[in-house]
Amino acid sequence: MHVHVHGQNGEAKFWLEPWIELAKNYGLSQKELGEALYLIEKYEYDIRTAWHEHFRS
């Protein structure tokens, strides 16, 4: 399970399992990565719920 984050200067991919961690960074600054990580942690439940809804089959 993962989430993609897009910003003005690039994008990143974060793994959600087994824990939240940066998988790849394509141009985001450390500040942008920190903000993304904060939001992912804050909305982790909503992200996981949306993931399961989207990939339910």
PDB file of N, CA and C in Angstrom:
ATOM      1  N   MET A   1       0.853  -1.162   0.000  1.00  0.00           N
ATOM      2  CA  MET A   1       0.000   0.000   0.000  1.00  0.00           C
ATOM      3  C   MET A   1       0.904   1.231   0.000  1.00  0.00           C
ATOM      4  N   HIS A   2       0.594   2.179  -0.877  1.00  0.00           N
ATOM      5  CA  HIS A   2       1.406   3.384  -0.977  1.00  0.00           C
ATOM      6  C   HIS A   2       0.538   4.563  -1.408  1.00  0.00           C
ATOM      7  N   VAL A   3       1.134   5.740  -1.337  1.00  0.00           N
ATOM      8  CA  VAL A   3       0.450   6.960  -1.761  1.00  0.00           C
ATOM      9  C   VAL A   3       1.459   7.821  -2.524  1.00  0.00           C
ATOM     10  N   HIS A   4       0.978   8.461  -3.583  1.00  0.00           N
ATOM     11  CA  HIS A   4       1.792   9.391  -4.360  1.00  0.00           C
ATOM     12  C   HIS A   4       1.447  10.817  -3.937  1.00  0.00           C
ATOM     13  N   VAL A   5       2.463  11.646  -3.854  1.00  0.00           N
ATOM     14  CA  VAL A   5       2.308  13.039  -3.468  1.00  0.00           C
ATOM     15  C   VAL A   5       2.873  13.895  -4.597  1.00  0.00           C
ATOM     16  N   HIS A   6       2.097  14.865  -5.054  1.00  0.00           N
ATOM     17  CA  HIS A   6       2.544  15.751  -6.130  1.00  0.00           C
ATOM     18  C   HIS A   6       2.655  17.177  -5.606  1.00  0.00           C
ATOM     19  N   GLY A   7       3.731  17.849  -5.977  1.00  0.00           N
ATOM     20  CA  GLY A   7       3.936  19.237  -5.602  1.00  0.00           C
ATOM     21  C   GLY A   7       4.389  20.033  -6.815  1.00  0.00           C
ATOM     22  N   GLN A   8       4.623  21.312  -6.641  1.00  0.00           N
ATOM     23  CA  GLN A   8       5.046  22.168  -7.745  1.00  0.00           C
ATOM     24  C   GLN A   8       6.396  21.753  -8.315  1.00  0.00           C
ATOM     25  N   ASN A   9       7.261  21.241  -7.470  1.00  0.00           N
ATOM     26  CA  ASN A   9       8.633  20.949  -7.895  1.00  0.00           C
ATOM     27  C   ASN A   9       8.902  19.475  -8.167  1.00  0.00           C
ATOM     28  N   GLY A  10       7.893  18.633  -8.017  1.00  0.00           N
ATOM     29  CA  GLY A  10       8.115  17.219  -8.249  1.00  0.00           C
ATOM     30  C   GLY A  10       7.064  16.367  -7.586  1.00  0.00           C
ATOM     31  N   GLU A  11       7.452  15.140  -7.299  1.00  0.00           N
ATOM     32  CA  GLU A  11       6.526  14.209  -6.655  1.00  0.00           C
ATOM     33  C   GLU A  11       7.300  13.203  -5.826  1.00  0.00           C
ATOM     34  N   ALA A  12       6.562  12.478  -4.996  1.00  0.00           N
ATOM     35  CA  ALA A  12       7.171  11.462  -4.141  1.00  0.00           C
ATOM     36  C   ALA A  12       6.179  10.324  -3.943  1.00  0.00           C
ATOM     37  N   LYS A  13       6.717   9.203  -3.521  1.00  0.00           N
ATOM     38  CA  LYS A  13       5.911   8.022  -3.211  1.00  0.00           C
ATOM     39  C   LYS A  13       6.254   7.614  -1.781  1.00  0.00           C
ATOM     40  N   PHE A  14       5.229   7.378  -0.980  1.00  0.00           N
ATOM     41  CA  PHE A  14       5.401   6.930   0.393  1.00  0.00           C
ATOM     42  C   PHE A  14       4.751   5.561   0.564  1.00  0.00           C
ATOM     43  N   TRP A  15       5.477   4.632   1.159  1.00  0.00           N
ATOM     44  CA  TRP A  15       4.885   3.361   1.557  1.00  0.00           C
ATOM     45  C   TRP A  15       4.035   3.595   2.791  1.00  0.00           C
ATOM     46  N   LEU A  16       2.924   2.872   2.896  1.00  0.00           N
ATOM     47  CA  LEU A  16       2.089   2.921   4.097  1.00  0.00           C
ATOM     48  C   LEU A  16       2.252   1.663   4.934  1.00  0.00           C
ATOM     49  N   GLU A  17       2.862   0.646   4.356  1.00  0.00           N
ATOM     50  CA  GLU A  17       3.055  -0.619   5.066  1.00  0.00           C
ATOM     51  C   GLU A  17       4.461  -1.124   4.825  1.00  0.00           C
ATOM     52  N   PRO A  18       5.122  -1.698   5.788  1.00  0.00           N
ATOM     53  CA  PRO A  18       4.567  -1.989   7.110  1.00  0.00           C
ATOM     54  C   PRO A  18       4.472  -0.749   7.995  1.00  0.00           C
ATOM     55  N   TRP A  19       5.132   0.352   7.566  1.00  0.00           N
ATOM     56  CA  TRP A  19       5.002   1.630   8.268  1.00  0.00           C
ATOM     57  C   TRP A  19       5.145   2.738   7.231  1.00  0.00           C
ATOM     58  N   ILE A  20       4.823   3.936   7.616  1.00  0.00           N
ATOM     59  CA  ILE A  20       4.906   5.055   6.685  1.00  0.00           C
ATOM     60  C   ILE A  20       6.363   5.444   6.512  1.00  0.00           C
ATOM     61  N   GLU A  21       6.827   5.409   5.247  1.00  0.00           N
ATOM     62  CA  GLU A  21       8.194   5.825   4.950  1.00  0.00           C
ATOM     63  C   GLU A  21       8.302   6.250   3.493  1.00  0.00           C
ATOM     64  N   LEU A  22       9.263   7.105   3.226  1.00  0.00           N
ATOM     65  CA  LEU A  22       9.499   7.586   1.879  1.00  0.00           C
ATOM     66  C   LEU A  22      10.059   6.453   1.025  1.00  0.00           C
ATOM     67  N   ALA A  23       9.448   6.226  -0.127  1.00  0.00           N
ATOM     68  CA  ALA A  23       9.931   5.209  -1.058  1.00  0.00           C
ATOM     69  C   ALA A  23      10.801   5.859  -2.135  1.00  0.00           C
ATOM     70  N   LYS A  24      10.312   6.916  -2.745  1.00  0.00           N
ATOM     71  CA  LYS A  24      11.024   7.622  -3.821  1.00  0.00           C
ATOM     72  C   LYS A  24      10.711   9.106  -3.750  1.00  0.00           C
ATOM     73  N   ASN A  25      11.686   9.908  -4.111  1.00  0.00           N
ATOM     74  CA  ASN A  25      11.485  11.347  -4.185  1.00  0.00           C
ATOM     75  C   ASN A  25      11.999  11.838  -5.527  1.00  0.00           C
ATOM     76  N   TYR A  26      11.165  12.549  -6.228  1.00  0.00           N
ATOM     77  CA  TYR A  26      11.519  13.090  -7.531  1.00  0.00           C
ATOM     78  C   TYR A  26      11.392  14.613  -7.499  1.00  0.00           C
ATOM     79  N   GLY A  27      12.282  15.269  -6.759  1.00  0.00           N
ATOM     80  CA  GLY A  27      12.373  16.720  -6.801  1.00  0.00           C
ATOM     81  C   GLY A  27      11.741  17.508  -5.671  1.00  0.00           C
ATOM     82  N   LEU A  28      11.042  16.887  -4.743  1.00  0.00           N
ATOM     83  CA  LEU A  28      10.457  17.644  -3.640  1.00  0.00           C
ATOM     84  C   LEU A  28      11.536  18.010  -2.625  1.00  0.00           C
ATOM     85  N   SER A  29      11.408  19.187  -2.047  1.00  0.00           N
ATOM     86  CA  SER A  29      12.364  19.642  -1.027  1.00  0.00           C
ATOM     87  C   SER A  29      12.107  18.905   0.288  1.00  0.00           C
ATOM     88  N   GLN A  30      13.050  19.013   1.196  1.00  0.00           N
ATOM     89  CA  GLN A  30      12.868  18.408   2.515  1.00  0.00           C
ATOM     90  C   GLN A  30      11.647  18.999   3.214  1.00  0.00           C
ATOM     91  N   LYS A  31      11.415  20.292   3.021  1.00  0.00           N
ATOM     92  CA  LYS A  31      10.240  20.928   3.619  1.00  0.00           C
ATOM     93  C   LYS A  31       8.959  20.326   3.048  1.00  0.00           C
ATOM     94  N   GLU A  32       8.905  20.168   1.729  1.00  0.00           N
ATOM     95  CA  GLU A  32       7.725  19.580   1.098  1.00  0.00           C
ATOM     96  C   GLU A  32       7.519  18.134   1.547  1.00  0.00           C
ATOM     97  N   LEU A  33       8.610  17.381   1.659  1.00  0.00           N
ATOM     98  CA  LEU A  33       8.510  15.996   2.133  1.00  0.00           C
ATOM     99  C   LEU A  33       7.990  15.953   3.563  1.00  0.00           C
ATOM    100  N   GLY A  34       8.467  16.857   4.392  1.00  0.00           N
ATOM    101  CA  GLY A  34       8.003  16.916   5.779  1.00  0.00           C
ATOM    102  C   GLY A  34       6.522  17.247   5.860  1.00  0.00           C
ATOM    103  N   GLU A  35       6.088  18.191   5.040  1.00  0.00           N
ATOM    104  CA  GLU A  35       4.670  18.553   5.019  1.00  0.00           C
ATOM    105  C   GLU A  35       3.823  17.379   4.526  1.00  0.00           C
ATOM    106  N   ALA A  36       4.315  16.694   3.510  1.00  0.00           N
ATOM    107  CA  ALA A  36       3.592  15.527   2.990  1.00  0.00           C
ATOM    108  C   ALA A  36       3.494  14.443   4.052  1.00  0.00           C
ATOM    109  N   LEU A  37       4.594  14.163   4.720  1.00  0.00           N
ATOM    110  CA  LEU A  37       4.596  13.143   5.767  1.00  0.00           C
ATOM    111  C   LEU A  37       3.616  13.510   6.880  1.00  0.00           C
ATOM    112  N   TYR A  38       3.600  14.758   7.268  1.00  0.00           N
ATOM    113  CA  TYR A  38       2.672  15.222   8.298  1.00  0.00           C
ATOM    114  C   TYR A  38       1.222  14.943   7.878  1.00  0.00           C
ATOM    115  N   LEU A  39       0.891  15.294   6.628  1.00  0.00           N
ATOM    116  CA  LEU A  39      -0.487  15.098   6.144  1.00  0.00           C
ATOM    117  C   LEU A  39      -0.832  13.617   6.012  1.00  0.00           C
ATOM    118  N   ILE A  40       0.120  12.815   5.555  1.00  0.00           N
ATOM    119  CA  ILE A  40      -0.128  11.374   5.445  1.00  0.00           C
ATOM    120  C   ILE A  40      -0.402  10.784   6.820  1.00  0.00           C
ATOM    121  N   GLU A  41       0.400  11.165   7.801  1.00  0.00           N
ATOM    122  CA  GLU A  41       0.184  10.662   9.161  1.00  0.00           C
ATOM    123  C   GLU A  41      -1.138  11.161   9.726  1.00  0.00           C
ATOM    124  N   LYS A  42      -1.465  12.412   9.474  1.00  0.00           N
ATOM    125  CA  LYS A  42      -2.702  12.991   9.991  1.00  0.00           C
ATOM    126  C   LYS A  42      -3.933  12.317   9.389  1.00  0.00           C
ATOM    127  N   TYR A  43      -3.870  12.002   8.097  1.00  0.00           N
ATOM    128  CA  TYR A  43      -5.019  11.438   7.391  1.00  0.00           C
ATOM    129  C   TYR A  43      -4.833   9.964   7.026  1.00  0.00           C
ATOM    130  N   GLU A  44      -3.989   9.279   7.767  1.00  0.00           N
ATOM    131  CA  GLU A  44      -3.678   7.884   7.464  1.00  0.00           C
ATOM    132  C   GLU A  44      -4.940   7.015   7.375  1.00  0.00           C
ATOM    133  N   TYR A  45      -5.840   7.165   8.322  1.00  0.00           N
ATOM    134  CA  TYR A  45      -7.054   6.351   8.312  1.00  0.00           C
ATOM    135  C   TYR A  45      -7.860   6.609   7.037  1.00  0.00           C
ATOM    136  N   ASP A  46      -8.027   7.864   6.678  1.00  0.00           N
ATOM    137  CA  ASP A  46      -8.794   8.205   5.476  1.00  0.00           C
ATOM    138  C   ASP A  46      -8.111   7.681   4.212  1.00  0.00           C
ATOM    139  N   ILE A  47      -6.795   7.780   4.157  1.00  0.00           N
ATOM    140  CA  ILE A  47      -6.051   7.284   2.998  1.00  0.00           C
ATOM    141  C   ILE A  47      -6.213   5.780   2.874  1.00  0.00           C
ATOM    142  N   ARG A  48      -6.060   5.063   3.988  1.00  0.00           N
ATOM    143  CA  ARG A  48      -6.206   3.602   3.961  1.00  0.00           C
ATOM    144  C   ARG A  48      -7.625   3.197   3.559  1.00  0.00           C
ATOM    145  N   THR A  49      -8.617   3.903   4.076  1.00  0.00           N
ATOM    146  CA  THR A  49     -10.004   3.606   3.743  1.00  0.00           C
ATOM    147  C   THR A  49     -10.248   3.821   2.247  1.00  0.00           C
ATOM    148  N   ALA A  50      -9.759   4.937   1.708  1.00  0.00           N
ATOM    149  CA  ALA A  50      -9.924   5.220   0.283  1.00  0.00           C
ATOM    150  C   ALA A  50      -9.198   4.185  -0.566  1.00  0.00           C
ATOM    151  N   TRP A  51      -8.031   3.751  -0.125  1.00  0.00           N
ATOM    152  CA  TRP A  51      -7.263   2.729  -0.846  1.00  0.00           C
ATOM    153  C   TRP A  51      -8.094   1.448  -0.955  1.00  0.00           C
ATOM    154  N   HIS A  52      -8.631   1.011   0.175  1.00  0.00           N
ATOM    155  CA  HIS A  52      -9.413  -0.228   0.181  1.00  0.00           C
ATOM    156  C   HIS A  52     -10.675  -0.090  -0.672  1.00  0.00           C
ATOM    157  N   GLU A  53     -11.305   1.057  -0.631  1.00  0.00           N
ATOM    158  CA  GLU A  53     -12.493   1.282  -1.461  1.00  0.00           C
ATOM    159  C   GLU A  53     -12.136   1.241  -2.937  1.00  0.00           C
ATOM    160  N   HIS A  54     -11.035   1.872  -3.294  1.00  0.00           N
ATOM    161  CA  HIS A  54     -10.632   1.960  -4.693  1.00  0.00           C
ATOM    162  C   HIS A  54     -10.213   0.601  -5.262  1.00  0.00           C
ATOM    163  N   PHE A  55      -9.494  -0.205  -4.465  1.00  0.00           N
ATOM    164  CA  PHE A  55      -8.953  -1.460  -4.951  1.00  0.00           C
ATOM    165  C   PHE A  55      -9.780  -2.674  -4.559  1.00  0.00           C
ATOM    166  N   ARG A  56     -10.956  -2.439  -4.012  1.00  0.00           N
ATOM    167  CA  ARG A  56     -11.841  -3.559  -3.653  1.00  0.00           C
ATOM    168  C   ARG A  56     -12.286  -4.268  -4.938  1.00  0.00           C
ATOM    169  N   SER A  57     -12.110  -5.573  -4.981  1.00  0.00           N
ATOM    170  CA  SER A  57     -12.580  -6.316  -6.155  1.00  0.00           C
ATOM    171  C   SER A  57     -12.816  -7.763  -5.815  1.00  0.00           C
TER     172      SER A  57
END
